[in-house]
Protein backbone atom coordinates (compact mmCIF):
# COMPACT_ATOMS: atom_id res chain seq x y z
CA UNK A 1 0.00 0.00 0.00
CA UNK A 2 1.47 3.36 -0.94
CA UNK A 3 1.90 6.17 1.60
CA UNK A 4 -0.87 8.34 0.12
CA UNK A 5 -3.45 5.56 0.41
CA UNK A 6 -2.37 4.82 3.98
CA UNK A 7 -2.65 8.51 4.94
CA UNK A 8 -6.11 8.83 3.34
CA UNK A 9 -7.31 5.66 5.08
CA UNK A 10 -6.10 7.02 8.42
CA UNK A 11 -7.79 10.39 7.87
CA UNK A 12 -11.09 8.90 6.75
CA UNK A 13 -11.22 6.45 9.64
CA UNK A 14 -10.55 9.12 12.30
CA UNK A 15 -13.85 9.67 14.22
CA UNK A 16 -13.44 13.43 14.53
CA UNK A 17 -13.22 13.75 10.76
CA UNK A 18 -15.92 11.27 9.78
CA UNK A 19 -19.52 12.25 9.06
CA UNK A 20 -20.82 10.65 12.23
CA UNK A 21 -23.87 12.10 13.92
CA UNK A 22 -24.94 12.51 17.50
CA UNK A 23 -28.31 13.31 19.05
CA UNK A 24 -28.57 15.12 22.37
CA UNK A 25 -31.83 15.44 24.29
CA UNK A 26 -32.06 17.65 27.34
CA UNK A 27 -32.59 21.17 28.67
CA UNK A 28 -31.21 23.91 26.45
CA UNK A 29 -28.92 26.28 28.31
CA UNK A 30 -27.64 29.52 26.79
CA UNK A 31 -24.18 30.57 27.94
CA UNK A 32 -23.10 34.15 27.34
CA UNK A 33 -19.49 33.70 26.27
CA UNK A 34 -19.26 36.87 24.17
CA UNK A 35 -20.70 40.36 24.14
CA UNK A 36 -22.16 40.21 20.61
CA UNK A 37 -23.90 37.52 18.58
CA UNK A 38 -25.80 34.42 19.63
CA UNK A 39 -24.82 32.73 22.89
CA UNK A 40 -23.24 29.31 23.06
CA UNK A 41 -25.94 26.63 23.44
CA UNK A 42 -25.39 23.67 25.74
CA UNK A 43 -27.51 20.56 26.19
CA UNK A 44 -26.71 18.00 28.86
CA UNK A 45 -28.15 14.62 27.88
CA UNK A 46 -28.54 12.84 31.24
CA UNK A 47 -29.62 9.54 29.68
CA UNK A 48 -26.56 9.34 27.42
CA UNK A 49 -24.33 11.07 30.02
CA UNK A 50 -22.88 13.52 27.53
CA UNK A 51 -22.81 17.22 26.86
CA UNK A 52 -23.45 18.78 23.46
CA UNK A 53 -22.48 22.31 22.53
CA UNK A 54 -23.66 24.38 19.58
CA UNK A 55 -21.70 27.53 18.74
CA UNK A 56 -24.14 29.93 17.07
CA UNK A 57 -21.56 32.68 16.48
CA UNK A 58 -21.91 34.25 13.08
CA UNK A 59 -25.42 32.88 12.48
CA UNK A 60 -27.78 35.32 10.75
CA UNK A 61 -30.69 33.82 12.72
CA UNK A 62 -30.84 31.43 15.65
CA UNK A 63 -30.54 27.85 14.31
CA UNK A 64 -32.21 26.57 17.49
CA UNK A 65 -35.45 28.53 16.91
CA UNK A 66 -37.81 25.61 17.74
CA UNK A 67 -36.38 25.54 21.29
CA UNK A 68 -36.10 28.20 23.95
CA UNK A 69 -33.64 28.30 26.82
CA UNK A 70 -34.84 26.09 29.67
CA UNK A 71 -36.93 23.81 27.43
CA UNK A 72 -36.15 20.19 26.57
CA UNK A 73 -34.66 20.10 23.12
CA UNK A 74 -33.48 17.41 20.69
CA UNK A 75 -30.56 18.33 18.44
CA UNK A 76 -28.89 16.02 15.92
CA UNK A 77 -25.82 16.83 13.90
CA UNK A 78 -22.30 16.03 12.89
CA UNK A 79 -19.81 16.58 15.66
CA UNK A 80 -16.27 16.91 16.88
CA UNK A 81 -15.74 15.09 20.17
CA UNK A 82 -13.56 16.55 22.89
CA UNK A 83 -13.58 14.25 25.93
CA UNK A 84 -17.23 13.67 26.79
CA UNK A 85 -18.35 16.87 25.05
CA UNK A 86 -19.81 16.70 21.55
CA UNK A 87 -19.30 19.97 19.71
CA UNK A 88 -22.00 19.94 17.04
CA UNK A 89 -20.53 21.23 13.79
CA UNK A 90 -23.52 20.95 11.44
CA UNK A 91 -27.09 20.78 12.70
CA UNK A 92 -29.17 18.16 10.90
CA UNK A 93 -32.36 18.54 12.92
CA UNK A 94 -33.65 20.42 15.92
CA UNK A 95 -37.01 20.21 17.70
CA UNK A 96 -38.62 20.32 21.11
CA UNK A 97 -38.45 17.11 23.10
CA UNK A 98 -41.42 16.15 25.21
PDB file of N, CA and C in Angstrom:
ATOM      1  N   UNK A   1       0.858  -1.172   0.000  1.00  0.00           N
ATOM      2  CA  UNK A   1       0.000   0.000   0.000  1.00  0.00           C
ATOM      3  C   UNK A   1       0.903   1.234   0.000  1.00  0.00           C
ATOM      4  N   UNK A   2       0.606   2.182  -0.887  1.00  0.00           N
ATOM      5  CA  UNK A   2       1.465   3.358  -0.937  1.00  0.00           C
ATOM      6  C   UNK A   2       1.150   4.313   0.213  1.00  0.00           C
ATOM      7  N   UNK A   3       2.049   5.257   0.462  1.00  0.00           N
ATOM      8  CA  UNK A   3       1.904   6.175   1.597  1.00  0.00           C
ATOM      9  C   UNK A   3       0.640   7.017   1.497  1.00  0.00           C
ATOM     10  N   UNK A   4       0.307   7.501   0.310  1.00  0.00           N
ATOM     11  CA  UNK A   4      -0.867   8.341   0.124  1.00  0.00           C
ATOM     12  C   UNK A   4      -2.133   7.593   0.529  1.00  0.00           C
ATOM     13  N   UNK A   5      -2.268   6.355   0.080  1.00  0.00           N
ATOM     14  CA  UNK A   5      -3.452   5.560   0.411  1.00  0.00           C
ATOM     15  C   UNK A   5      -3.533   5.306   1.914  1.00  0.00           C
ATOM     16  N   UNK A   6      -2.398   5.056   2.540  1.00  0.00           N
ATOM     17  CA  UNK A   6      -2.373   4.825   3.976  1.00  0.00           C
ATOM     18  C   UNK A   6      -2.776   6.087   4.740  1.00  0.00           C
ATOM     19  N   UNK A   7      -2.296   7.240   4.300  1.00  0.00           N
ATOM     20  CA  UNK A   7      -2.655   8.506   4.937  1.00  0.00           C
ATOM     21  C   UNK A   7      -4.149   8.772   4.780  1.00  0.00           C
ATOM     22  N   UNK A   8      -4.687   8.595   3.586  1.00  0.00           N
ATOM     23  CA  UNK A   8      -6.111   8.825   3.344  1.00  0.00           C
ATOM     24  C   UNK A   8      -6.971   7.866   4.174  1.00  0.00           C
ATOM     25  N   UNK A   9      -6.570   6.626   4.282  1.00  0.00           N
ATOM     26  CA  UNK A   9      -7.311   5.656   5.076  1.00  0.00           C
ATOM     27  C   UNK A   9      -7.320   6.071   6.543  1.00  0.00           C
ATOM     28  N   UNK A  10      -6.192   6.554   7.031  1.00  0.00           N
ATOM     29  CA  UNK A  10      -6.102   7.015   8.417  1.00  0.00           C
ATOM     30  C   UNK A  10      -6.997   8.223   8.643  1.00  0.00           C
ATOM     31  N   UNK A  11      -6.969   9.185   7.731  1.00  0.00           N
ATOM     32  CA  UNK A  11      -7.791  10.392   7.868  1.00  0.00           C
ATOM     33  C   UNK A  11      -9.267  10.046   7.834  1.00  0.00           C
ATOM     34  N   UNK A  12      -9.680   9.230   6.900  1.00  0.00           N
ATOM     35  CA  UNK A  12     -11.093   8.900   6.747  1.00  0.00           C
ATOM     36  C   UNK A  12     -11.622   8.040   7.885  1.00  0.00           C
ATOM     37  N   UNK A  13     -10.756   7.299   8.555  1.00  0.00           N
ATOM     38  CA  UNK A  13     -11.220   6.454   9.645  1.00  0.00           C
ATOM     39  C   UNK A  13     -11.185   7.163  10.995  1.00  0.00           C
ATOM     40  N   UNK A  14     -10.620   8.371  11.048  1.00  0.00           N
ATOM     41  CA  UNK A  14     -10.553   9.122  12.304  1.00  0.00           C
ATOM     42  C   UNK A  14     -11.945   9.623  12.660  1.00  0.00           C
ATOM     43  N   UNK A  15     -12.466   9.321  13.879  1.00  0.00           N
ATOM     44  CA  UNK A  15     -13.847   9.669  14.225  1.00  0.00           C
ATOM     45  C   UNK A  15     -14.140  11.155  14.205  1.00  0.00           C
ATOM     46  N   UNK A  16     -13.185  11.991  14.518  1.00  0.00           N
ATOM     47  CA  UNK A  16     -13.439  13.430  14.535  1.00  0.00           C
ATOM     48  C   UNK A  16     -13.610  13.983  13.128  1.00  0.00           C
ATOM     49  N   UNK A  17     -13.132  13.263  12.126  1.00  0.00           N
ATOM     50  CA  UNK A  17     -13.220  13.749  10.756  1.00  0.00           C
ATOM     51  C   UNK A  17     -14.300  13.050   9.945  1.00  0.00           C
ATOM     52  N   UNK A  18     -14.891  12.018  10.503  1.00  0.00           N
ATOM     53  CA  UNK A  18     -15.917  11.274   9.782  1.00  0.00           C
ATOM     54  C   UNK A  18     -17.249  12.016   9.883  1.00  0.00           C
ATOM     55  N   UNK A  19     -18.197  11.633   9.046  1.00  0.00           N
ATOM     56  CA  UNK A  19     -19.521  12.248   9.058  1.00  0.00           C
ATOM     57  C   UNK A  19     -20.442  11.507  10.017  1.00  0.00           C
ATOM     58  N   UNK A  20     -19.990  11.298  11.236  1.00  0.00           N
ATOM     59  CA  UNK A  20     -20.815  10.647  12.233  1.00  0.00           C
ATOM     60  C   UNK A  20     -21.765  11.676  12.826  1.00  0.00           C
ATOM     61  N   UNK A  21     -22.896  11.189  13.322  1.00  0.00           N
ATOM     62  CA  UNK A  21     -23.868  12.097  13.921  1.00  0.00           C
ATOM     63  C   UNK A  21     -24.113  11.717  15.372  1.00  0.00           C
ATOM     64  N   UNK A  22     -24.581  12.704  16.119  1.00  0.00           N
ATOM     65  CA  UNK A  22     -24.942  12.508  17.505  1.00  0.00           C
ATOM     66  C   UNK A  22     -26.274  13.203  17.730  1.00  0.00           C
ATOM     67  N   UNK A  23     -27.071  12.665  18.648  1.00  0.00           N
ATOM     68  CA  UNK A  23     -28.314  13.308  19.054  1.00  0.00           C
ATOM     69  C   UNK A  23     -28.251  13.538  20.552  1.00  0.00           C
ATOM     70  N   UNK A  24     -28.516  14.763  20.949  1.00  0.00           N
ATOM     71  CA  UNK A  24     -28.570  15.119  22.365  1.00  0.00           C
ATOM     72  C   UNK A  24     -29.981  15.567  22.697  1.00  0.00           C
ATOM     73  N   UNK A  25     -30.496  15.069  23.824  1.00  0.00           N
ATOM     74  CA  UNK A  25     -31.826  15.438  24.285  1.00  0.00           C
ATOM     75  C   UNK A  25     -31.704  15.895  25.732  1.00  0.00           C
ATOM     76  N   UNK A  26     -32.121  17.128  25.985  1.00  0.00           N
ATOM     77  CA  UNK A  26     -32.060  17.650  27.342  1.00  0.00           C
ATOM     78  C   UNK A  26     -32.429  19.123  27.362  1.00  0.00           C
ATOM     79  N   UNK A  27     -32.283  19.745  28.515  1.00  0.00           N
ATOM     80  CA  UNK A  27     -32.595  21.172  28.666  1.00  0.00           C
ATOM     81  C   UNK A  27     -31.567  22.019  27.936  1.00  0.00           C
ATOM     82  N   UNK A  28     -32.071  22.984  27.185  1.00  0.00           N
ATOM     83  CA  UNK A  28     -31.211  23.911  26.454  1.00  0.00           C
ATOM     84  C   UNK A  28     -30.775  25.021  27.396  1.00  0.00           C
ATOM     85  N   UNK A  29     -29.488  25.226  27.470  1.00  0.00           N
ATOM     86  CA  UNK A  29     -28.917  26.282  28.311  1.00  0.00           C
ATOM     87  C   UNK A  29     -28.146  27.227  27.393  1.00  0.00           C
ATOM     88  N   UNK A  30     -28.400  28.518  27.530  1.00  0.00           N
ATOM     89  CA  UNK A  30     -27.639  29.521  26.787  1.00  0.00           C
ATOM     90  C   UNK A  30     -26.535  30.044  27.684  1.00  0.00           C
ATOM     91  N   UNK A  31     -25.307  30.033  27.186  1.00  0.00           N
ATOM     92  CA  UNK A  31     -24.180  30.571  27.937  1.00  0.00           C
ATOM     93  C   UNK A  31     -23.649  31.799  27.222  1.00  0.00           C
ATOM     94  N   UNK A  32     -23.631  32.910  27.916  1.00  0.00           N
ATOM     95  CA  UNK A  32     -23.102  34.153  27.343  1.00  0.00           C
ATOM     96  C   UNK A  32     -21.584  34.110  27.419  1.00  0.00           C
ATOM     97  N   UNK A  33     -20.954  33.781  26.310  1.00  0.00           N
ATOM     98  CA  UNK A  33     -19.491  33.702  26.274  1.00  0.00           C
ATOM     99  C   UNK A  33     -18.889  34.849  25.482  1.00  0.00           C
ATOM    100  N   UNK A  34     -19.737  35.727  24.967  1.00  0.00           N
ATOM    101  CA  UNK A  34     -19.261  36.872  24.168  1.00  0.00           C
ATOM    102  C   UNK A  34     -20.244  38.013  24.347  1.00  0.00           C
ATOM    103  N   UNK A  35     -19.837  39.198  23.961  1.00  0.00           N
ATOM    104  CA  UNK A  35     -20.702  40.365  24.143  1.00  0.00           C
ATOM    105  C   UNK A  35     -21.615  40.607  22.949  1.00  0.00           C
ATOM    106  N   UNK A  36     -21.302  40.043  21.787  1.00  0.00           N
ATOM    107  CA  UNK A  36     -22.161  40.205  20.610  1.00  0.00           C
ATOM    108  C   UNK A  36     -22.461  38.837  20.006  1.00  0.00           C
ATOM    109  N   UNK A  37     -23.536  38.761  19.271  1.00  0.00           N
ATOM    110  CA  UNK A  37     -23.896  37.524  18.583  1.00  0.00           C
ATOM    111  C   UNK A  37     -24.687  36.581  19.469  1.00  0.00           C
ATOM    112  N   UNK A  38     -25.019  35.431  18.924  1.00  0.00           N
ATOM    113  CA  UNK A  38     -25.803  34.424  19.633  1.00  0.00           C
ATOM    114  C   UNK A  38     -24.956  33.757  20.702  1.00  0.00           C
ATOM    115  N   UNK A  39     -25.572  33.418  21.831  1.00  0.00           N
ATOM    116  CA  UNK A  39     -24.821  32.732  22.891  1.00  0.00           C
ATOM    117  C   UNK A  39     -24.526  31.275  22.524  1.00  0.00           C
ATOM    118  N   UNK A  40     -23.565  30.716  23.204  1.00  0.00           N
ATOM    119  CA  UNK A  40     -23.244  29.306  23.061  1.00  0.00           C
ATOM    120  C   UNK A  40     -24.397  28.500  23.653  1.00  0.00           C
ATOM    121  N   UNK A  41     -24.858  27.488  22.946  1.00  0.00           N
ATOM    122  CA  UNK A  41     -25.937  26.631  23.444  1.00  0.00           C
ATOM    123  C   UNK A  41     -25.325  25.347  23.985  1.00  0.00           C
ATOM    124  N   UNK A  42     -25.864  24.895  25.107  1.00  0.00           N
ATOM    125  CA  UNK A  42     -25.388  23.667  25.739  1.00  0.00           C
ATOM    126  C   UNK A  42     -26.593  22.809  26.095  1.00  0.00           C
ATOM    127  N   UNK A  43     -26.484  21.528  25.796  1.00  0.00           N
ATOM    128  CA  UNK A  43     -27.511  20.565  26.187  1.00  0.00           C
ATOM    129  C   UNK A  43     -26.794  19.436  26.919  1.00  0.00           C
ATOM    130  N   UNK A  44     -27.235  19.166  28.145  1.00  0.00           N
ATOM    131  CA  UNK A  44     -26.714  18.000  28.856  1.00  0.00           C
ATOM    132  C   UNK A  44     -27.729  16.879  28.714  1.00  0.00           C
ATOM    133  N   UNK A  45     -27.311  15.787  28.090  1.00  0.00           N
ATOM    134  CA  UNK A  45     -28.154  14.619  27.879  1.00  0.00           C
ATOM    135  C   UNK A  45     -27.878  13.640  29.026  1.00  0.00           C
ATOM    136  N   UNK A  46     -28.746  13.666  30.039  1.00  0.00           N
ATOM    137  CA  UNK A  46     -28.544  12.840  31.236  1.00  0.00           C
ATOM    138  C   UNK A  46     -28.606  11.342  30.930  1.00  0.00           C
ATOM    139  N   UNK A  47     -29.491  10.952  30.016  1.00  0.00           N
ATOM    140  CA  UNK A  47     -29.617   9.536  29.684  1.00  0.00           C
ATOM    141  C   UNK A  47     -28.344   8.999  29.027  1.00  0.00           C
ATOM    142  N   UNK A  48     -27.769   9.764  28.126  1.00  0.00           N
ATOM    143  CA  UNK A  48     -26.557   9.340  27.420  1.00  0.00           C
ATOM    144  C   UNK A  48     -25.293   9.755  28.174  1.00  0.00           C
ATOM    145  N   UNK A  49     -25.453  10.567  29.212  1.00  0.00           N
ATOM    146  CA  UNK A  49     -24.333  11.066  30.015  1.00  0.00           C
ATOM    147  C   UNK A  49     -23.291  11.778  29.155  1.00  0.00           C
ATOM    148  N   UNK A  50     -23.788  12.736  28.365  1.00  0.00           N
ATOM    149  CA  UNK A  50     -22.881  13.522  27.530  1.00  0.00           C
ATOM    150  C   UNK A  50     -23.395  14.943  27.412  1.00  0.00           C
ATOM    151  N   UNK A  51     -22.495  15.817  27.063  1.00  0.00           N
ATOM    152  CA  UNK A  51     -22.815  17.222  26.865  1.00  0.00           C
ATOM    153  C   UNK A  51     -22.622  17.558  25.401  1.00  0.00           C
ATOM    154  N   UNK A  52     -23.574  18.305  24.834  1.00  0.00           N
ATOM    155  CA  UNK A  52     -23.447  18.776  23.461  1.00  0.00           C
ATOM    156  C   UNK A  52     -23.409  20.302  23.482  1.00  0.00           C
ATOM    157  N   UNK A  53     -22.547  20.864  22.671  1.00  0.00           N
ATOM    158  CA  UNK A  53     -22.481  22.312  22.534  1.00  0.00           C
ATOM    159  C   UNK A  53     -22.759  22.689  21.087  1.00  0.00           C
ATOM    160  N   UNK A  54     -23.385  23.847  20.916  1.00  0.00           N
ATOM    161  CA  UNK A  54     -23.659  24.378  19.583  1.00  0.00           C
ATOM    162  C   UNK A  54     -23.223  25.837  19.591  1.00  0.00           C
ATOM    163  N   UNK A  55     -22.192  26.154  18.821  1.00  0.00           N
ATOM    164  CA  UNK A  55     -21.700  27.526  18.740  1.00  0.00           C
ATOM    165  C   UNK A  55     -22.469  28.238  17.640  1.00  0.00           C
ATOM    166  N   UNK A  56     -23.286  29.209  18.034  1.00  0.00           N
ATOM    167  CA  UNK A  56     -24.136  29.926  17.071  1.00  0.00           C
ATOM    168  C   UNK A  56     -23.503  31.224  16.600  1.00  0.00           C
ATOM    169  N   UNK A  57     -22.241  31.442  16.896  1.00  0.00           N
ATOM    170  CA  UNK A  57     -21.562  32.677  16.483  1.00  0.00           C
ATOM    171  C   UNK A  57     -21.608  32.811  14.966  1.00  0.00           C
ATOM    172  N   UNK A  58     -21.895  33.982  14.512  1.00  0.00           N
ATOM    173  CA  UNK A  58     -21.912  34.247  13.080  1.00  0.00           C
ATOM    174  C   UNK A  58     -23.194  33.849  12.376  1.00  0.00           C
ATOM    175  N   UNK A  59     -24.153  33.283  13.098  1.00  0.00           N
ATOM    176  CA  UNK A  59     -25.422  32.878  12.476  1.00  0.00           C
ATOM    177  C   UNK A  59     -26.288  34.110  12.241  1.00  0.00           C
ATOM    178  N   UNK A  60     -26.893  34.195  11.073  1.00  0.00           N
ATOM    179  CA  UNK A  60     -27.781  35.316  10.753  1.00  0.00           C
ATOM    180  C   UNK A  60     -29.063  35.247  11.574  1.00  0.00           C
ATOM    181  N   UNK A  61     -29.508  34.032  11.863  1.00  0.00           N
ATOM    182  CA  UNK A  61     -30.688  33.817  12.717  1.00  0.00           C
ATOM    183  C   UNK A  61     -30.370  32.626  13.613  1.00  0.00           C
ATOM    184  N   UNK A  62     -31.107  32.501  14.687  1.00  0.00           N
ATOM    185  CA  UNK A  62     -30.841  31.427  15.647  1.00  0.00           C
ATOM    186  C   UNK A  62     -31.204  30.069  15.044  1.00  0.00           C
ATOM    187  N   UNK A  63     -30.235  29.167  14.877  1.00  0.00           N
ATOM    188  CA  UNK A  63     -30.536  27.851  14.307  1.00  0.00           C
ATOM    189  C   UNK A  63     -31.322  26.954  15.258  1.00  0.00           C
ATOM    190  N   UNK A  64     -31.471  27.364  16.512  1.00  0.00           N
ATOM    191  CA  UNK A  64     -32.212  26.570  17.487  1.00  0.00           C
ATOM    192  C   UNK A  64     -33.598  27.156  17.752  1.00  0.00           C
ATOM    193  N   UNK A  65     -34.167  27.850  16.771  1.00  0.00           N
ATOM    194  CA  UNK A  65     -35.447  28.535  16.914  1.00  0.00           C
ATOM    195  C   UNK A  65     -36.565  27.667  17.496  1.00  0.00           C
ATOM    196  N   UNK A  66     -36.713  26.389  17.155  1.00  0.00           N
ATOM    197  CA  UNK A  66     -37.813  25.614  17.736  1.00  0.00           C
ATOM    198  C   UNK A  66     -37.727  25.462  19.259  1.00  0.00           C
ATOM    199  N   UNK A  67     -36.574  25.707  19.842  1.00  0.00           N
ATOM    200  CA  UNK A  67     -36.380  25.536  21.288  1.00  0.00           C
ATOM    201  C   UNK A  67     -36.027  26.866  21.934  1.00  0.00           C
ATOM    202  N   UNK A  68     -36.470  27.034  23.159  1.00  0.00           N
ATOM    203  CA  UNK A  68     -36.102  28.199  23.952  1.00  0.00           C
ATOM    204  C   UNK A  68     -35.265  27.729  25.130  1.00  0.00           C
ATOM    205  N   UNK A  69     -34.459  28.626  25.660  1.00  0.00           N
ATOM    206  CA  UNK A  69     -33.639  28.297  26.822  1.00  0.00           C
ATOM    207  C   UNK A  69     -34.523  27.776  27.949  1.00  0.00           C
ATOM    208  N   UNK A  70     -34.096  26.702  28.573  1.00  0.00           N
ATOM    209  CA  UNK A  70     -34.844  26.092  29.665  1.00  0.00           C
ATOM    210  C   UNK A  70     -35.769  24.973  29.229  1.00  0.00           C
ATOM    211  N   UNK A  71     -36.053  24.868  27.940  1.00  0.00           N
ATOM    212  CA  UNK A  71     -36.930  23.813  27.428  1.00  0.00           C
ATOM    213  C   UNK A  71     -36.112  22.573  27.069  1.00  0.00           C
ATOM    214  N   UNK A  72     -36.806  21.408  27.060  1.00  0.00           N
ATOM    215  CA  UNK A  72     -36.148  20.189  26.573  1.00  0.00           C
ATOM    216  C   UNK A  72     -36.089  20.256  25.059  1.00  0.00           C
ATOM    217  N   UNK A  73     -34.917  19.962  24.551  1.00  0.00           N
ATOM    218  CA  UNK A  73     -34.659  20.099  23.125  1.00  0.00           C
ATOM    219  C   UNK A  73     -33.943  18.850  22.626  1.00  0.00           C
ATOM    220  N   UNK A  74     -34.170  18.519  21.358  1.00  0.00           N
ATOM    221  CA  UNK A  74     -33.476  17.409  20.692  1.00  0.00           C
ATOM    222  C   UNK A  74     -32.714  17.989  19.506  1.00  0.00           C
ATOM    223  N   UNK A  75     -31.401  17.821  19.521  1.00  0.00           N
ATOM    224  CA  UNK A  75     -30.556  18.328  18.437  1.00  0.00           C
ATOM    225  C   UNK A  75     -29.717  17.183  17.901  1.00  0.00           C
ATOM    226  N   UNK A  76     -29.721  17.018  16.586  1.00  0.00           N
ATOM    227  CA  UNK A  76     -28.886  16.018  15.921  1.00  0.00           C
ATOM    228  C   UNK A  76     -27.964  16.729  14.957  1.00  0.00           C
ATOM    229  N   UNK A  77     -26.756  16.224  14.838  1.00  0.00           N
ATOM    230  CA  UNK A  77     -25.821  16.827  13.898  1.00  0.00           C
ATOM    231  C   UNK A  77     -24.490  16.113  13.861  1.00  0.00           C
ATOM    232  N   UNK A  78     -23.659  16.548  12.934  1.00  0.00           N
ATOM    233  CA  UNK A  78     -22.297  16.029  12.890  1.00  0.00           C
ATOM    234  C   UNK A  78     -21.531  16.701  14.019  1.00  0.00           C
ATOM    235  N   UNK A  79     -20.476  16.071  14.470  1.00  0.00           N
ATOM    236  CA  UNK A  79     -19.807  16.580  15.655  1.00  0.00           C
ATOM    237  C   UNK A  79     -18.301  16.395  15.620  1.00  0.00           C
ATOM    238  N   UNK A  80     -17.678  17.099  16.549  1.00  0.00           N
ATOM    239  CA  UNK A  80     -16.274  16.906  16.883  1.00  0.00           C
ATOM    240  C   UNK A  80     -16.272  16.611  18.370  1.00  0.00           C
ATOM    241  N   UNK A  81     -15.710  15.499  18.762  1.00  0.00           N
ATOM    242  CA  UNK A  81     -15.741  15.089  20.169  1.00  0.00           C
ATOM    243  C   UNK A  81     -14.465  15.530  20.878  1.00  0.00           C
ATOM    244  N   UNK A  82     -14.669  16.140  22.033  1.00  0.00           N
ATOM    245  CA  UNK A  82     -13.561  16.549  22.891  1.00  0.00           C
ATOM    246  C   UNK A  82     -13.889  15.997  24.275  1.00  0.00           C
ATOM    247  N   UNK A  83     -13.243  14.915  24.668  1.00  0.00           N
ATOM    248  CA  UNK A  83     -13.583  14.250  25.930  1.00  0.00           C
ATOM    249  C   UNK A  83     -14.990  13.710  25.850  1.00  0.00           C
ATOM    250  N   UNK A  84     -15.836  14.106  26.805  1.00  0.00           N
ATOM    251  CA  UNK A  84     -17.235  13.673  26.790  1.00  0.00           C
ATOM    252  C   UNK A  84     -18.151  14.773  26.272  1.00  0.00           C
ATOM    253  N   UNK A  85     -17.572  15.781  25.626  1.00  0.00           N
ATOM    254  CA  UNK A  85     -18.352  16.874  25.047  1.00  0.00           C
ATOM    255  C   UNK A  85     -18.394  16.700  23.535  1.00  0.00           C
ATOM    256  N   UNK A  86     -19.600  16.807  22.993  1.00  0.00           N
ATOM    257  CA  UNK A  86     -19.806  16.701  21.551  1.00  0.00           C
ATOM    258  C   UNK A  86     -20.087  18.104  21.023  1.00  0.00           C
ATOM    259  N   UNK A  87     -19.144  18.650  20.298  1.00  0.00           N
ATOM    260  CA  UNK A  87     -19.302  19.971  19.712  1.00  0.00           C
ATOM    261  C   UNK A  87     -19.975  19.796  18.353  1.00  0.00           C
ATOM    262  N   UNK A  88     -21.255  20.148  18.281  1.00  0.00           N
ATOM    263  CA  UNK A  88     -22.005  19.938  17.044  1.00  0.00           C
ATOM    264  C   UNK A  88     -21.531  20.940  15.999  1.00  0.00           C
ATOM    265  N   UNK A  89     -21.084  20.419  14.881  1.00  0.00           N
ATOM    266  CA  UNK A  89     -20.533  21.225  13.795  1.00  0.00           C
ATOM    267  C   UNK A  89     -21.593  21.638  12.787  1.00  0.00           C
ATOM    268  N   UNK A  90     -22.443  20.701  12.396  1.00  0.00           N
ATOM    269  CA  UNK A  90     -23.515  20.949  11.440  1.00  0.00           C
ATOM    270  C   UNK A  90     -24.809  20.384  12.005  1.00  0.00           C
ATOM    271  N   UNK A  91     -25.801  21.239  12.182  1.00  0.00           N
ATOM    272  CA  UNK A  91     -27.092  20.779  12.701  1.00  0.00           C
ATOM    273  C   UNK A  91     -27.878  20.105  11.573  1.00  0.00           C
ATOM    274  N   UNK A  92     -28.345  18.897  11.855  1.00  0.00           N
ATOM    275  CA  UNK A  92     -29.166  18.160  10.900  1.00  0.00           C
ATOM    276  C   UNK A  92     -30.638  18.372  11.220  1.00  0.00           C
ATOM    277  N   UNK A  93     -30.979  18.296  12.509  1.00  0.00           N
ATOM    278  CA  UNK A  93     -32.364  18.535  12.917  1.00  0.00           C
ATOM    279  C   UNK A  93     -32.392  19.091  14.335  1.00  0.00           C
ATOM    280  N   UNK A  94     -33.439  19.866  14.594  1.00  0.00           N
ATOM    281  CA  UNK A  94     -33.649  20.424  15.922  1.00  0.00           C
ATOM    282  C   UNK A  94     -35.157  20.528  16.166  1.00  0.00           C
ATOM    283  N   UNK A  95     -35.606  20.079  17.336  1.00  0.00           N
ATOM    284  CA  UNK A  95     -37.010  20.208  17.701  1.00  0.00           C
ATOM    285  C   UNK A  95     -37.152  20.097  19.210  1.00  0.00           C
ATOM    286  N   UNK A  96     -38.339  20.455  19.685  1.00  0.00           N
ATOM    287  CA  UNK A  96     -38.620  20.323  21.114  1.00  0.00           C
ATOM    288  C   UNK A  96     -38.773  18.845  21.457  1.00  0.00           C
ATOM    289  N   UNK A  97     -38.297  18.483  22.618  1.00  0.00           N
ATOM    290  CA  UNK A  97     -38.454  17.113  23.104  1.00  0.00           C
ATOM    291  C   UNK A  97     -39.472  17.121  24.227  1.00  0.00           C
ATOM    292  N   UNK A  98     -40.389  16.224  24.176  1.00  0.00           N
ATOM    293  CA  UNK A  98     -41.424  16.149  25.212  1.00  0.00           C
ATOM    294  C   UNK A  98     -41.010  15.257  26.335  1.00  0.00           C
TER     295      UNK A  98
END
